N, C-alpha and C. Protein backbone atom coordinates (compact mmCIF):
# COMPACT_ATOMS: atom_id res chain seq x y z
N UNK A 1 11.59 -9.15 4.76
CA UNK A 1 11.94 -7.84 5.27
C UNK A 1 10.88 -6.83 4.84
N UNK A 2 10.56 -5.92 5.74
CA UNK A 2 9.54 -4.91 5.47
C UNK A 2 9.93 -4.02 4.31
N UNK A 3 8.93 -3.55 3.58
CA UNK A 3 9.16 -2.57 2.54
C UNK A 3 9.56 -1.26 3.23
N UNK A 4 10.76 -0.73 2.96
CA UNK A 4 11.22 0.47 3.65
C UNK A 4 10.29 1.67 3.49
N UNK A 5 9.66 1.80 2.32
CA UNK A 5 8.74 2.91 2.08
C UNK A 5 7.52 2.79 3.00
N UNK A 6 6.98 1.59 3.11
CA UNK A 6 5.81 1.38 3.96
C UNK A 6 6.14 1.66 5.41
N UNK A 7 7.29 1.17 5.86
CA UNK A 7 7.70 1.37 7.24
C UNK A 7 7.93 2.85 7.54
N UNK A 8 8.55 3.57 6.62
CA UNK A 8 8.80 4.99 6.82
C UNK A 8 7.49 5.77 6.94
N UNK A 9 6.51 5.45 6.13
CA UNK A 9 5.22 6.14 6.21
C UNK A 9 4.56 5.88 7.56
N UNK A 10 4.59 4.64 8.02
CA UNK A 10 3.99 4.31 9.31
C UNK A 10 4.70 5.01 10.45
N UNK A 11 6.02 5.16 10.34
CA UNK A 11 6.80 5.83 11.40
C UNK A 11 6.53 7.34 11.44
N UNK A 12 6.07 7.92 10.32
CA UNK A 12 5.77 9.36 10.30
C UNK A 12 4.66 9.68 11.29
N UNK A 13 3.54 9.01 11.12
CA UNK A 13 2.40 9.16 12.03
C UNK A 13 1.27 8.26 11.55
N UNK A 14 0.37 7.94 12.46
CA UNK A 14 -0.78 7.13 12.09
C UNK A 14 -1.64 7.89 11.08
N UNK A 15 -1.76 9.19 11.25
CA UNK A 15 -2.54 10.01 10.31
C UNK A 15 -1.99 9.93 8.90
N UNK A 16 -0.66 10.05 8.76
CA UNK A 16 -0.04 9.95 7.44
C UNK A 16 -0.22 8.55 6.88
N UNK A 17 -0.09 7.54 7.74
CA UNK A 17 -0.27 6.15 7.30
C UNK A 17 -1.68 5.94 6.76
N UNK A 18 -2.68 6.36 7.53
CA UNK A 18 -4.07 6.16 7.10
C UNK A 18 -4.39 6.94 5.83
N UNK A 19 -3.82 8.13 5.69
CA UNK A 19 -4.00 8.92 4.47
C UNK A 19 -3.40 8.17 3.28
N UNK A 20 -2.19 7.64 3.47
CA UNK A 20 -1.54 6.87 2.40
C UNK A 20 -2.37 5.65 2.04
N UNK A 21 -2.92 4.97 3.04
CA UNK A 21 -3.77 3.79 2.79
C UNK A 21 -4.99 4.16 1.96
N UNK A 22 -5.61 5.30 2.28
CA UNK A 22 -6.78 5.75 1.52
C UNK A 22 -6.40 6.07 0.07
N UNK A 23 -5.22 6.63 -0.13
CA UNK A 23 -4.77 7.00 -1.47
C UNK A 23 -4.28 5.79 -2.28
N UNK A 24 -3.97 4.68 -1.59
CA UNK A 24 -3.44 3.49 -2.25
C UNK A 24 -4.19 2.25 -1.76
N UNK A 25 -5.49 2.17 -2.03
CA UNK A 25 -6.30 1.07 -1.47
C UNK A 25 -5.93 -0.32 -2.00
N UNK A 26 -5.26 -0.39 -3.14
CA UNK A 26 -4.92 -1.69 -3.70
C UNK A 26 -3.57 -2.23 -3.23
N UNK A 27 -2.83 -1.42 -2.46
CA UNK A 27 -1.52 -1.85 -1.97
C UNK A 27 -1.70 -2.61 -0.65
N UNK A 28 -1.11 -3.80 -0.59
CA UNK A 28 -1.09 -4.56 0.65
C UNK A 28 0.25 -4.26 1.32
N UNK A 29 0.22 -3.53 2.45
CA UNK A 29 1.47 -3.13 3.10
C UNK A 29 2.32 -4.32 3.52
N UNK A 30 3.61 -4.20 3.29
CA UNK A 30 4.57 -5.23 3.66
C UNK A 30 5.36 -4.74 4.86
N UNK A 31 5.00 -5.24 6.04
CA UNK A 31 5.69 -4.88 7.27
C UNK A 31 6.35 -6.10 7.91
N UNK A 32 6.70 -7.08 7.08
CA UNK A 32 7.32 -8.32 7.58
C UNK A 32 8.60 -8.00 8.33
N UNK A 33 8.68 -8.53 9.55
CA UNK A 33 9.88 -8.39 10.34
C UNK A 33 10.14 -7.00 10.89
N UNK A 34 9.19 -6.08 10.74
CA UNK A 34 9.38 -4.70 11.20
C UNK A 34 9.43 -4.64 12.72
N UNK A 35 10.28 -3.76 13.24
CA UNK A 35 10.33 -3.52 14.67
C UNK A 35 9.33 -2.41 14.99
N UNK A 36 8.17 -2.80 15.50
CA UNK A 36 7.11 -1.85 15.85
C UNK A 36 6.94 -1.74 17.36
N UNK A 37 7.99 -2.09 18.09
CA UNK A 37 7.97 -2.04 19.55
C UNK A 37 7.61 -0.64 20.03
N UNK A 38 6.62 -0.57 20.91
CA UNK A 38 6.21 0.69 21.50
C UNK A 38 5.38 1.59 20.60
N UNK A 39 5.13 1.18 19.38
CA UNK A 39 4.38 2.01 18.43
C UNK A 39 2.91 2.11 18.84
N UNK A 40 2.32 3.28 18.62
CA UNK A 40 0.90 3.46 18.86
C UNK A 40 0.18 3.13 17.56
N UNK A 41 -0.40 1.94 17.51
CA UNK A 41 -1.08 1.48 16.31
C UNK A 41 -2.59 1.41 16.50
N UNK A 42 -3.10 2.01 17.58
CA UNK A 42 -4.51 1.85 17.93
C UNK A 42 -5.47 2.40 16.89
N UNK A 43 -5.06 3.35 16.09
CA UNK A 43 -5.94 3.91 15.07
C UNK A 43 -5.43 3.62 13.66
N UNK A 44 -4.35 2.85 13.55
CA UNK A 44 -3.74 2.58 12.25
C UNK A 44 -4.55 1.54 11.48
N UNK A 45 -4.74 1.81 10.19
CA UNK A 45 -5.43 0.85 9.32
C UNK A 45 -4.39 -0.13 8.80
N UNK A 46 -4.32 -1.30 9.42
CA UNK A 46 -3.38 -2.33 9.02
C UNK A 46 -4.07 -3.47 8.28
N UNK A 47 -5.25 -3.21 7.79
CA UNK A 47 -6.01 -4.23 7.07
C UNK A 47 -5.20 -4.77 5.89
N UNK A 48 -5.02 -6.08 5.86
CA UNK A 48 -4.31 -6.73 4.77
C UNK A 48 -2.80 -6.65 4.86
N UNK A 49 -2.26 -5.96 5.88
CA UNK A 49 -0.82 -5.81 6.01
C UNK A 49 -0.16 -7.15 6.33
N UNK A 50 0.98 -7.39 5.72
CA UNK A 50 1.77 -8.59 6.03
C UNK A 50 2.64 -8.25 7.23
N UNK A 51 2.32 -8.85 8.37
CA UNK A 51 3.01 -8.57 9.63
C UNK A 51 3.82 -9.77 10.13
N UNK A 52 4.06 -10.72 9.24
CA UNK A 52 4.79 -11.93 9.64
C UNK A 52 6.15 -11.54 10.23
N UNK A 53 6.42 -12.03 11.43
CA UNK A 53 7.70 -11.79 12.07
C UNK A 53 7.89 -10.40 12.63
N UNK A 54 6.87 -9.55 12.57
CA UNK A 54 6.98 -8.19 13.12
C UNK A 54 7.05 -8.26 14.64
N UNK A 55 7.77 -7.31 15.23
CA UNK A 55 7.98 -7.25 16.68
C UNK A 55 7.09 -6.16 17.25
N UNK A 56 6.19 -6.53 18.17
CA UNK A 56 5.17 -5.61 18.69
C UNK A 56 5.27 -5.32 20.18
N UNK A 57 6.30 -5.73 20.86
CA UNK A 57 6.36 -5.57 22.32
C UNK A 57 6.08 -4.11 22.71
N UNK A 58 5.07 -3.93 23.55
CA UNK A 58 4.71 -2.61 24.04
C UNK A 58 3.91 -1.76 23.07
N UNK A 59 3.60 -2.29 21.90
CA UNK A 59 2.81 -1.54 20.92
C UNK A 59 1.32 -1.66 21.26
N UNK A 60 0.57 -0.60 20.97
CA UNK A 60 -0.88 -0.69 21.11
C UNK A 60 -1.42 -1.29 19.84
N UNK A 61 -2.44 -2.11 19.97
CA UNK A 61 -2.96 -2.83 18.80
C UNK A 61 -4.07 -2.05 18.12
N UNK A 62 -4.26 -2.31 16.81
CA UNK A 62 -5.36 -1.68 16.11
C UNK A 62 -6.68 -2.20 16.65
N UNK A 63 -7.72 -1.40 16.54
CA UNK A 63 -8.99 -1.91 17.03
C UNK A 63 -10.14 -0.93 16.99
N UNK A 64 -9.94 0.31 17.35
CA UNK A 64 -11.08 1.23 17.44
C UNK A 64 -11.68 1.55 16.10
N UNK A 65 -10.88 2.03 15.16
CA UNK A 65 -11.45 2.38 13.86
C UNK A 65 -11.19 1.32 12.82
N UNK A 66 -10.37 0.36 13.15
CA UNK A 66 -10.01 -0.67 12.18
C UNK A 66 -10.04 -2.05 12.83
N UNK A 67 -11.25 -2.49 13.23
CA UNK A 67 -11.29 -3.79 13.89
C UNK A 67 -10.84 -4.89 12.96
N UNK A 68 -10.14 -5.82 13.51
CA UNK A 68 -9.69 -6.92 12.68
C UNK A 68 -9.05 -8.00 13.51
N UNK A 69 -8.53 -8.99 12.84
CA UNK A 69 -7.86 -10.07 13.53
C UNK A 69 -6.59 -10.39 12.76
N UNK A 70 -5.60 -10.94 13.45
CA UNK A 70 -4.37 -11.32 12.79
C UNK A 70 -4.47 -12.78 12.42
N UNK A 71 -4.23 -13.09 11.18
CA UNK A 71 -4.28 -14.46 10.68
C UNK A 71 -3.10 -14.67 9.75
N UNK A 72 -2.21 -15.57 10.12
CA UNK A 72 -1.02 -15.84 9.31
C UNK A 72 -0.27 -14.57 8.98
N UNK A 73 -0.12 -13.69 9.97
CA UNK A 73 0.66 -12.49 9.78
C UNK A 73 -0.07 -11.35 9.10
N UNK A 74 -1.37 -11.51 8.86
CA UNK A 74 -2.14 -10.43 8.22
C UNK A 74 -3.33 -10.06 9.10
N UNK A 75 -3.68 -8.80 9.06
CA UNK A 75 -4.88 -8.35 9.75
C UNK A 75 -5.97 -8.24 8.71
N UNK A 76 -7.12 -8.82 9.01
CA UNK A 76 -8.23 -8.74 8.06
C UNK A 76 -9.49 -8.34 8.78
N UNK A 77 -10.32 -7.60 8.09
CA UNK A 77 -11.63 -7.24 8.64
C UNK A 77 -12.58 -8.39 8.39
N UNK A 78 -13.58 -8.48 9.22
CA UNK A 78 -14.58 -9.53 8.99
C UNK A 78 -14.80 -10.38 10.22
N UNK A 79 -15.52 -11.43 10.03
CA UNK A 79 -15.89 -12.31 11.15
C UNK A 79 -14.76 -13.26 11.49
N UNK A 80 -14.61 -13.48 12.79
CA UNK A 80 -13.68 -14.50 13.25
C UNK A 80 -14.41 -15.83 13.25
N UNK A 81 -13.71 -16.88 13.56
CA UNK A 81 -14.36 -18.19 13.58
C UNK A 81 -15.42 -18.28 14.66
N UNK A 82 -15.33 -17.39 15.66
CA UNK A 82 -16.34 -17.36 16.72
C UNK A 82 -17.56 -16.54 16.31
N UNK A 83 -17.52 -15.93 15.13
CA UNK A 83 -18.65 -15.17 14.64
C UNK A 83 -18.66 -13.72 15.12
N UNK A 84 -17.55 -13.27 15.70
CA UNK A 84 -17.46 -11.88 16.15
C UNK A 84 -16.54 -11.12 15.25
N UNK A 85 -16.71 -9.78 15.20
CA UNK A 85 -15.81 -8.95 14.42
C UNK A 85 -14.76 -8.34 15.30
């Protein structure tokens, strides 16, 4: 189950979420099983977030400022197996 504090911050706004991430760089967000349907996540920094079982129907994916890939429920920055970021 998602950490209620993490989920509440993300629901406030992407700006508040990214600010919180900058202030807490060592925290790996726990969004397991979160209902993120319809959420605008295009600018959200979800690097390292545990997204296992999260529901994303209709949500926009991160990508412009926080490129990454989902692997085992986590988004990580870096190269994919195809050598692209």
